[in-house]
Amino acid sequence: MERIVRLHIEKLPEGFYLATSEQVQGLVAQGRTVVETLEIARDVARKLLEARAEREQLEMLENIDDSLDYPLVVGI
């Protein structure tokens, strides 16, 4: 089952990107690019949510509907 996890991504002064989420406690990911940071965040979120699912329901996360808006990051 796929769920939507909202991330906050910021560029650090050192040039790296940091992703956190208010929805998934403990989710922190850092990468050299936004894409790398998103990939790491997806893996961390999956592991945290799998661990949480063993103990409780994940009702607080949105289901993915038939369509959704997604900000696409393109480097030029």
Protein backbone atom coordinates (compact mmCIF):
# COMPACT_ATOMS: atom_id res chain seq x y z
CA MET A 1 0.00 0.00 0.00
CA GLU A 2 1.35 3.42 -0.90
CA ARG A 3 0.87 6.43 1.36
CA ILE A 4 1.80 10.08 1.06
CA VAL A 5 4.46 11.37 3.44
CA ARG A 6 5.05 15.10 3.33
CA LEU A 7 8.71 16.11 3.51
CA HIS A 8 10.42 19.38 4.29
CA ILE A 9 13.68 19.78 2.34
CA GLU A 10 16.17 22.53 2.99
CA LYS A 11 19.59 23.32 1.62
CA LEU A 12 22.21 23.46 4.34
CA PRO A 13 25.03 26.04 4.38
CA GLU A 14 27.50 23.22 3.68
CA GLY A 15 25.74 22.57 0.35
CA PHE A 16 23.94 19.36 1.37
CA TYR A 17 20.17 18.90 1.49
CA LEU A 18 18.26 17.82 4.61
CA ALA A 19 14.82 16.17 4.59
CA THR A 20 12.59 15.85 7.64
CA SER A 21 8.92 15.05 8.18
CA GLU A 22 6.46 16.11 10.84
CA GLN A 23 4.33 13.07 9.94
CA VAL A 24 6.99 10.40 10.45
CA GLN A 25 8.80 10.84 13.74
CA GLY A 26 12.52 10.18 13.38
CA LEU A 27 12.71 10.71 9.63
CA VAL A 28 15.92 12.59 8.86
CA ALA A 29 17.81 12.19 5.57
CA GLN A 30 20.75 14.07 4.12
CA GLY A 31 22.18 13.95 0.60
CA ARG A 32 24.36 15.80 -1.90
CA THR A 33 21.41 16.46 -4.24
CA VAL A 34 17.64 16.73 -3.85
CA VAL A 35 17.22 13.43 -5.74
CA GLU A 36 19.71 11.61 -3.51
CA THR A 37 18.06 13.08 -0.42
CA LEU A 38 14.61 11.93 -1.61
CA GLU A 39 15.90 8.40 -2.27
CA ILE A 40 17.41 8.19 1.21
CA ALA A 41 14.26 9.69 2.78
CA ARG A 42 12.08 7.12 0.98
CA ASP A 43 14.17 4.25 2.37
CA VAL A 44 14.22 5.71 5.90
CA ALA A 45 10.45 6.37 5.80
CA ARG A 46 9.75 2.83 4.60
CA LYS A 47 11.76 1.30 7.45
CA LEU A 48 10.23 3.57 10.08
CA LEU A 49 6.68 2.95 8.82
CA GLU A 50 7.20 -0.82 8.64
CA ALA A 51 8.37 -0.79 12.26
CA ARG A 52 5.40 1.36 13.26
CA ALA A 53 2.91 -0.83 11.34
CA GLU A 54 3.87 -3.79 13.51
CA ARG A 55 2.71 -1.84 16.57
CA GLU A 56 -0.14 0.37 15.32
CA GLN A 57 -2.22 1.49 12.37
CA LEU A 58 -1.05 4.12 9.87
CA GLU A 59 -4.34 5.98 9.60
CA MET A 60 -2.71 9.42 9.92
CA LEU A 61 -1.10 9.14 6.46
CA GLU A 62 -3.06 9.93 3.32
CA ASN A 63 -3.87 7.24 0.78
CA ILE A 64 -2.77 7.91 -2.78
CA ASP A 65 -5.80 8.82 -4.88
CA ASP A 66 -6.17 8.35 -8.61
CA SER A 67 -4.29 11.61 -9.18
CA LEU A 68 -2.02 13.92 -7.24
CA ASP A 69 0.11 17.02 -7.73
CA TYR A 70 3.86 16.50 -7.48
CA PRO A 71 6.57 19.16 -7.67
CA LEU A 72 9.11 17.88 -10.19
CA VAL A 73 12.66 19.09 -9.63
CA VAL A 74 14.65 19.47 -12.89
CA GLY A 75 18.28 20.53 -13.02
CA ILE A 76 19.28 22.66 -16.02
